[in-house]
Amino acid sequence: MSLGWAAMAALLLPLGLVPLGVEPRWIAGLGDSWEAAHLASRSLSIAQAISAYAVLQAMVFIIVFLVTCIPVIRRWVTPRSVRRSRVRRAAMQQFLAHGLHTTEHRTGVLIFAALSDHQVEVIADAGIHDRVDRDIWAQAVDVLTERLRSGDAAEGFEAAIKIVGEVLALHFPPRANDINELPNRLVEL
């Protein structure tokens, strides 16, 4: 994302200087105070102007790239839909990577928080997702998000896990021969 913003700025911002009369002398070493009035020197002036423009583009590119590498600014300039899509994809990859889809009754649930993107996802396998109203998953997301905002991540995860646990207990109550098919643990990436 930073590369895209830097490239766009490098292409567009120097264009704003054209009406102001970009001159090579604006950049040290590319122009001097002496000008030749002969027609043969015209190609030299054009080359100096193009060089000045290229140097401006490079400077703008580097500055914008470095600024957009700052996490807060990168989050601010990245569209919410892009962040949401990335987090959703990462959550789904973790869901599959940790084998949450391999339970006997397809009841695996992942609560995923991307701290750098300020996004939370709850992924539930088909066995439980089909039986539960979407508002329950939204409630777990809202509780976790609210606690993350206030700086209490542990309490937020506990509250979200409680909501999910109650839903699982309601639709899939413990049986005599039940075994815990998945480890219940927090994974930090």
C-alpha atoms as a PDB file:
ATOM      1  CA  MET A   1       0.000   0.000   0.000  1.00  0.00           C
ATOM      2  CA  SER A   2       2.872   2.386   0.803  1.00  0.00           C
ATOM      3  CA  LEU A   3       4.405   1.815  -2.614  1.00  0.00           C
ATOM      4  CA  GLY A   4       1.119   2.650  -4.310  1.00  0.00           C
ATOM      5  CA  TRP A   5       0.662   5.904  -2.406  1.00  0.00           C
ATOM      6  CA  ALA A   6       4.302   6.877  -3.020  1.00  0.00           C
ATOM      7  CA  ALA A   7       4.053   6.170  -6.751  1.00  0.00           C
ATOM      8  CA  MET A   8       0.797   8.083  -7.072  1.00  0.00           C
ATOM      9  CA  ALA A   9       2.193  11.084  -5.193  1.00  0.00           C
ATOM     10  CA  ALA A  10       5.433  11.030  -7.198  1.00  0.00           C
ATOM     11  CA  LEU A  11       3.482  11.102 -10.443  1.00  0.00           C
ATOM     12  CA  LEU A  12       0.874  13.686  -9.440  1.00  0.00           C
ATOM     13  CA  LEU A  13       2.425  16.150  -6.983  1.00  0.00           C
ATOM     14  CA  PRO A  14       5.276  17.366  -9.223  1.00  0.00           C
ATOM     15  CA  LEU A  15       2.661  18.044 -11.935  1.00  0.00           C
ATOM     16  CA  GLY A  16       1.302  20.717  -9.617  1.00  0.00           C
ATOM     17  CA  LEU A  17       4.643  22.512  -9.956  1.00  0.00           C
ATOM     18  CA  VAL A  18       4.485  22.718 -13.756  1.00  0.00           C
ATOM     19  CA  PRO A  19       2.147  25.744 -13.760  1.00  0.00           C
ATOM     20  CA  LEU A  20       4.581  27.404 -11.359  1.00  0.00           C
ATOM     21  CA  GLY A  21       7.351  27.007 -13.917  1.00  0.00           C
ATOM     22  CA  VAL A  22       9.571  24.219 -12.640  1.00  0.00           C
ATOM     23  CA  GLU A  23      13.133  25.280 -13.214  1.00  0.00           C
ATOM     24  CA  PRO A  24      16.342  23.321 -12.802  1.00  0.00           C
ATOM     25  CA  ARG A  25      17.815  25.964 -10.508  1.00  0.00           C
ATOM     26  CA  TRP A  26      15.214  24.971  -7.891  1.00  0.00           C
ATOM     27  CA  ILE A  27      17.401  21.936  -7.234  1.00  0.00           C
ATOM     28  CA  ALA A  28      21.005  22.579  -6.281  1.00  0.00           C
ATOM     29  CA  GLY A  29      23.461  21.415  -8.911  1.00  0.00           C
ATOM     30  CA  LEU A  30      21.008  21.182 -11.813  1.00  0.00           C
ATOM     31  CA  GLY A  31      20.952  24.787 -12.861  1.00  0.00           C
ATOM     32  CA  ASP A  32      23.033  27.864 -12.470  1.00  0.00           C
ATOM     33  CA  SER A  33      22.435  31.547 -12.798  1.00  0.00           C
ATOM     34  CA  TRP A  34      23.954  31.740 -16.288  1.00  0.00           C
ATOM     35  CA  GLU A  35      21.888  30.922 -19.336  1.00  0.00           C
ATOM     36  CA  ALA A  36      22.971  30.646 -22.955  1.00  0.00           C
ATOM     37  CA  ALA A  37      20.747  32.431 -25.415  1.00  0.00           C
ATOM     38  CA  HIS A  38      21.837  30.343 -28.373  1.00  0.00           C
ATOM     39  CA  LEU A  39      19.421  27.790 -29.906  1.00  0.00           C
ATOM     40  CA  ALA A  40      21.949  24.988 -29.406  1.00  0.00           C
ATOM     41  CA  SER A  41      21.684  25.436 -25.645  1.00  0.00           C
ATOM     42  CA  ARG A  42      17.959  24.814 -25.722  1.00  0.00           C
ATOM     43  CA  SER A  43      18.373  21.008 -25.551  1.00  0.00           C
ATOM     44  CA  LEU A  44      20.592  21.461 -22.485  1.00  0.00           C
ATOM     45  CA  SER A  45      17.859  23.514 -20.781  1.00  0.00           C
ATOM     46  CA  ILE A  46      15.241  20.872 -21.596  1.00  0.00           C
ATOM     47  CA  ALA A  47      17.508  18.126 -20.230  1.00  0.00           C
ATOM     48  CA  GLN A  48      18.041  20.124 -17.045  1.00  0.00           C
ATOM     49  CA  ALA A  49      14.281  20.679 -16.653  1.00  0.00           C
ATOM     50  CA  ILE A  50      13.554  16.968 -17.131  1.00  0.00           C
ATOM     51  CA  SER A  51      16.292  16.096 -14.645  1.00  0.00           C
ATOM     52  CA  ALA A  52      14.834  18.528 -12.118  1.00  0.00           C
ATOM     53  CA  TYR A  53      11.405  17.004 -12.596  1.00  0.00           C
ATOM     54  CA  ALA A  54      12.792  13.470 -12.156  1.00  0.00           C
ATOM     55  CA  VAL A  55      14.638  14.474  -8.973  1.00  0.00           C
ATOM     56  CA  LEU A  56      11.418  16.026  -7.619  1.00  0.00           C
ATOM     57  CA  GLN A  57       9.527  12.833  -8.375  1.00  0.00           C
ATOM     58  CA  ALA A  58      12.147  10.728  -6.615  1.00  0.00           C
ATOM     59  CA  MET A  59      12.118  12.989  -3.566  1.00  0.00           C
ATOM     60  CA  VAL A  60       8.315  12.941  -3.351  1.00  0.00           C
ATOM     61  CA  PHE A  61       8.287   9.143  -3.789  1.00  0.00           C
ATOM     62  CA  ILE A  62      10.792   8.577  -0.966  1.00  0.00           C
ATOM     63  CA  ILE A  63       9.103  11.015   1.423  1.00  0.00           C
ATOM     64  CA  VAL A  64       5.591   9.648   0.857  1.00  0.00           C
ATOM     65  CA  PHE A  65       6.826   6.056   1.059  1.00  0.00           C
ATOM     66  CA  LEU A  66       8.560   6.658   4.389  1.00  0.00           C
ATOM     67  CA  VAL A  67       5.603   8.550   5.836  1.00  0.00           C
ATOM     68  CA  THR A  68       3.111   5.868   4.818  1.00  0.00           C
ATOM     69  CA  CYS A  69       5.292   3.181   6.414  1.00  0.00           C
ATOM     70  CA  ILE A  70       4.358   4.622   9.814  1.00  0.00           C
ATOM     71  CA  PRO A  71       1.692   2.162  11.092  1.00  0.00           C
ATOM     72  CA  VAL A  72      -0.859   4.782  12.175  1.00  0.00           C
ATOM     73  CA  ILE A  73      -0.633   6.604   8.856  1.00  0.00           C
ATOM     74  CA  ARG A  74      -0.643   3.357   6.866  1.00  0.00           C
ATOM     75  CA  ARG A  75      -3.879   2.325   8.623  1.00  0.00           C
ATOM     76  CA  TRP A  76      -5.341   5.785   7.963  1.00  0.00           C
ATOM     77  CA  VAL A  77      -4.574   5.721   4.205  1.00  0.00           C
ATOM     78  CA  THR A  78      -5.559   2.073   3.661  1.00  0.00           C
ATOM     79  CA  PRO A  79      -9.243   1.815   2.768  1.00  0.00           C
ATOM     80  CA  ARG A  80     -11.331   0.035   5.405  1.00  0.00           C
ATOM     81  CA  SER A  81     -12.583  -2.468   2.825  1.00  0.00           C
ATOM     82  CA  VAL A  82      -9.000  -3.464   2.011  1.00  0.00           C
ATOM     83  CA  ARG A  83      -8.107  -3.864   5.691  1.00  0.00           C
ATOM     84  CA  ARG A  84     -11.289  -5.861   6.324  1.00  0.00           C
ATOM     85  CA  SER A  85     -10.571  -8.135   3.379  1.00  0.00           C
ATOM     86  CA  ARG A  86      -6.969  -8.730   4.484  1.00  0.00           C
ATOM     87  CA  VAL A  87      -8.014  -9.522   8.039  1.00  0.00           C
ATOM     88  CA  ARG A  88     -10.770 -11.850   6.831  1.00  0.00           C
ATOM     89  CA  ARG A  89      -8.280 -13.690   4.615  1.00  0.00           C
ATOM     90  CA  ALA A  90      -5.709 -13.933   7.444  1.00  0.00           C
ATOM     91  CA  ALA A  91      -8.362 -15.210   9.862  1.00  0.00           C
ATOM     92  CA  MET A  92      -9.500 -17.852   7.383  1.00  0.00           C
ATOM     93  CA  GLN A  93      -5.883 -18.939   6.806  1.00  0.00           C
ATOM     94  CA  GLN A  94      -5.397 -19.336  10.567  1.00  0.00           C
ATOM     95  CA  PHE A  95      -8.702 -21.190  10.893  1.00  0.00           C
ATOM     96  CA  LEU A  96      -7.516 -23.730   8.341  1.00  0.00           C
ATOM     97  CA  ALA A  97      -3.871 -23.785   9.500  1.00  0.00           C
ATOM     98  CA  HIS A  98      -4.880 -24.699  13.053  1.00  0.00           C
ATOM     99  CA  GLY A  99      -7.291 -27.396  11.860  1.00  0.00           C
ATOM    100  CA  LEU A 100     -10.397 -25.800  13.327  1.00  0.00           C
ATOM    101  CA  HIS A 101     -12.372 -27.245  10.421  1.00  0.00           C
ATOM    102  CA  THR A 102     -11.523 -30.838  11.334  1.00  0.00           C
ATOM    103  CA  THR A 103     -13.821 -31.389  14.318  1.00  0.00           C
ATOM    104  CA  GLU A 104     -16.340 -34.216  14.140  1.00  0.00           C
ATOM    105  CA  HIS A 105     -19.411 -31.962  14.138  1.00  0.00           C
ATOM    106  CA  ARG A 106     -17.695 -29.008  12.408  1.00  0.00           C
ATOM    107  CA  THR A 107     -17.949 -26.773  15.480  1.00  0.00           C
ATOM    108  CA  GLY A 108     -14.566 -25.037  15.418  1.00  0.00           C
ATOM    109  CA  VAL A 109     -14.632 -21.302  16.164  1.00  0.00           C
ATOM    110  CA  LEU A 110     -11.791 -18.813  15.749  1.00  0.00           C
ATOM    111  CA  ILE A 111     -11.766 -15.392  17.392  1.00  0.00           C
ATOM    112  CA  PHE A 112      -9.218 -13.318  15.490  1.00  0.00           C
ATOM    113  CA  ALA A 113      -8.007  -9.820  16.319  1.00  0.00           C
ATOM    114  CA  ALA A 114      -5.637  -7.951  14.016  1.00  0.00           C
ATOM    115  CA  LEU A 115      -4.262  -5.316  16.356  1.00  0.00           C
ATOM    116  CA  SER A 116      -2.380  -3.356  13.701  1.00  0.00           C
ATOM    117  CA  ASP A 117      -5.500  -3.068  11.516  1.00  0.00           C
ATOM    118  CA  HIS A 118      -7.951  -2.576  14.395  1.00  0.00           C
ATOM    119  CA  GLN A 119     -10.182  -5.333  13.010  1.00  0.00           C
ATOM    120  CA  VAL A 120     -11.813  -8.356  14.694  1.00  0.00           C
ATOM    121  CA  GLU A 121     -13.207 -11.459  12.971  1.00  0.00           C
ATOM    122  CA  VAL A 122     -15.068 -14.470  14.295  1.00  0.00           C
ATOM    123  CA  ILE A 123     -14.982 -17.496  12.004  1.00  0.00           C
ATOM    124  CA  ALA A 124     -17.289 -20.396  12.843  1.00  0.00           C
ATOM    125  CA  ASP A 125     -17.308 -23.725  11.045  1.00  0.00           C
ATOM    126  CA  ALA A 126     -20.419 -24.849   9.157  1.00  0.00           C
ATOM    127  CA  GLY A 127     -21.769 -27.097  11.920  1.00  0.00           C
ATOM    128  CA  ILE A 128     -22.208 -24.232  14.361  1.00  0.00           C
ATOM    129  CA  HIS A 129     -22.461 -21.277  11.984  1.00  0.00           C
ATOM    130  CA  ASP A 130     -25.594 -22.635  10.319  1.00  0.00           C
ATOM    131  CA  ARG A 131     -27.385 -23.025  13.669  1.00  0.00           C
ATOM    132  CA  VAL A 132     -26.570 -19.644  15.191  1.00  0.00           C
ATOM    133  CA  ASP A 133     -27.995 -16.237  14.416  1.00  0.00           C
ATOM    134  CA  ARG A 134     -25.370 -13.895  12.936  1.00  0.00           C
ATOM    135  CA  ASP A 135     -26.090 -11.401  15.711  1.00  0.00           C
ATOM    136  CA  ILE A 136     -24.366 -13.696  18.203  1.00  0.00           C
ATOM    137  CA  TRP A 137     -21.100 -13.550  16.246  1.00  0.00           C
ATOM    138  CA  ALA A 138     -21.502  -9.786  15.888  1.00  0.00           C
ATOM    139  CA  GLN A 139     -22.038  -9.544  19.638  1.00  0.00           C
ATOM    140  CA  ALA A 140     -18.752 -11.393  20.279  1.00  0.00           C
ATOM    141  CA  VAL A 141     -16.966  -9.063  17.844  1.00  0.00           C
ATOM    142  CA  ASP A 142     -18.500  -5.967  19.464  1.00  0.00           C
ATOM    143  CA  VAL A 143     -17.537  -7.041  22.990  1.00  0.00           C
ATOM    144  CA  LEU A 144     -13.961  -7.784  21.985  1.00  0.00           C
ATOM    145  CA  THR A 145     -13.645  -4.594  19.933  1.00  0.00           C
ATOM    146  CA  GLU A 146     -14.962  -2.458  22.772  1.00  0.00           C
ATOM    147  CA  ARG A 147     -12.494  -3.949  25.275  1.00  0.00           C
ATOM    148  CA  LEU A 148      -9.592  -3.655  22.822  1.00  0.00           C
ATOM    149  CA  ARG A 149     -10.404   0.048  22.404  1.00  0.00           C
ATOM    150  CA  SER A 150     -10.276   0.543  26.162  1.00  0.00           C
ATOM    151  CA  GLY A 151      -6.951  -1.312  26.359  1.00  0.00           C
ATOM    152  CA  ASP A 152      -8.181  -4.453  28.104  1.00  0.00           C
ATOM    153  CA  ALA A 153      -7.496  -7.186  25.560  1.00  0.00           C
ATOM    154  CA  ALA A 154      -7.555 -10.060  28.072  1.00  0.00           C
ATOM    155  CA  GLU A 155     -10.997  -9.130  29.384  1.00  0.00           C
ATOM    156  CA  GLY A 156     -12.215  -8.677  25.804  1.00  0.00           C
ATOM    157  CA  PHE A 157     -11.093 -12.138  24.761  1.00  0.00           C
ATOM    158  CA  GLU A 158     -12.605 -13.641  27.917  1.00  0.00           C
ATOM    159  CA  ALA A 159     -15.966 -11.987  27.196  1.00  0.00           C
ATOM    160  CA  ALA A 160     -15.956 -13.053  23.527  1.00  0.00           C
ATOM    161  CA  ILE A 161     -14.955 -16.613  24.463  1.00  0.00           C
ATOM    162  CA  LYS A 162     -17.776 -16.715  27.022  1.00  0.00           C
ATOM    163  CA  ILE A 163     -20.335 -15.726  24.374  1.00  0.00           C
ATOM    164  CA  VAL A 164     -19.027 -18.336  21.926  1.00  0.00           C
ATOM    165  CA  GLY A 165     -18.830 -20.985  24.671  1.00  0.00           C
ATOM    166  CA  GLU A 166     -22.443 -20.411  25.671  1.00  0.00           C
ATOM    167  CA  VAL A 167     -23.559 -20.799  22.060  1.00  0.00           C
ATOM    168  CA  LEU A 168     -21.575 -24.016  21.666  1.00  0.00           C
ATOM    169  CA  ALA A 169     -22.951 -25.404  24.953  1.00  0.00           C
ATOM    170  CA  LEU A 170     -26.501 -24.567  23.877  1.00  0.00           C
ATOM    171  CA  HIS A 171     -26.315 -26.264  20.474  1.00  0.00           C
ATOM    172  CA  PHE A 172     -23.769 -28.963  21.293  1.00  0.00           C
ATOM    173  CA  PRO A 173     -24.118 -29.799  24.995  1.00  0.00           C
ATOM    174  CA  PRO A 174     -21.370 -31.949  26.518  1.00  0.00           C
ATOM    175  CA  ARG A 175     -21.885 -35.697  26.141  1.00  0.00           C
ATOM    176  CA  ALA A 176     -20.535 -38.534  28.272  1.00  0.00           C
ATOM    177  CA  ASN A 177     -17.985 -39.604  25.658  1.00  0.00           C
ATOM    178  CA  ASP A 178     -16.978 -36.065  24.638  1.00  0.00           C
ATOM    179  CA  ILE A 179     -13.338 -35.276  24.075  1.00  0.00           C
ATOM    180  CA  ASN A 180     -11.845 -31.865  23.459  1.00  0.00           C
ATOM    181  CA  GLU A 181     -10.797 -32.129  19.818  1.00  0.00           C
ATOM    182  CA  LEU A 182      -8.952 -28.820  19.672  1.00  0.00           C
ATOM    183  CA  PRO A 183      -6.575 -27.051  22.018  1.00  0.00           C
ATOM    184  CA  ASN A 184      -8.125 -24.017  23.693  1.00  0.00           C
ATOM    185  CA  ARG A 185      -5.329 -21.509  23.522  1.00  0.00           C
ATOM    186  CA  LEU A 186      -4.357 -18.045  22.497  1.00  0.00           C
ATOM    187  CA  VAL A 187      -2.041 -17.835  19.505  1.00  0.00           C
ATOM    188  CA  GLU A 188      -0.085 -14.671  18.858  1.00  0.00           C
ATOM    189  CA  LEU A 189       1.345 -14.016  15.394  1.00  0.00           C
END
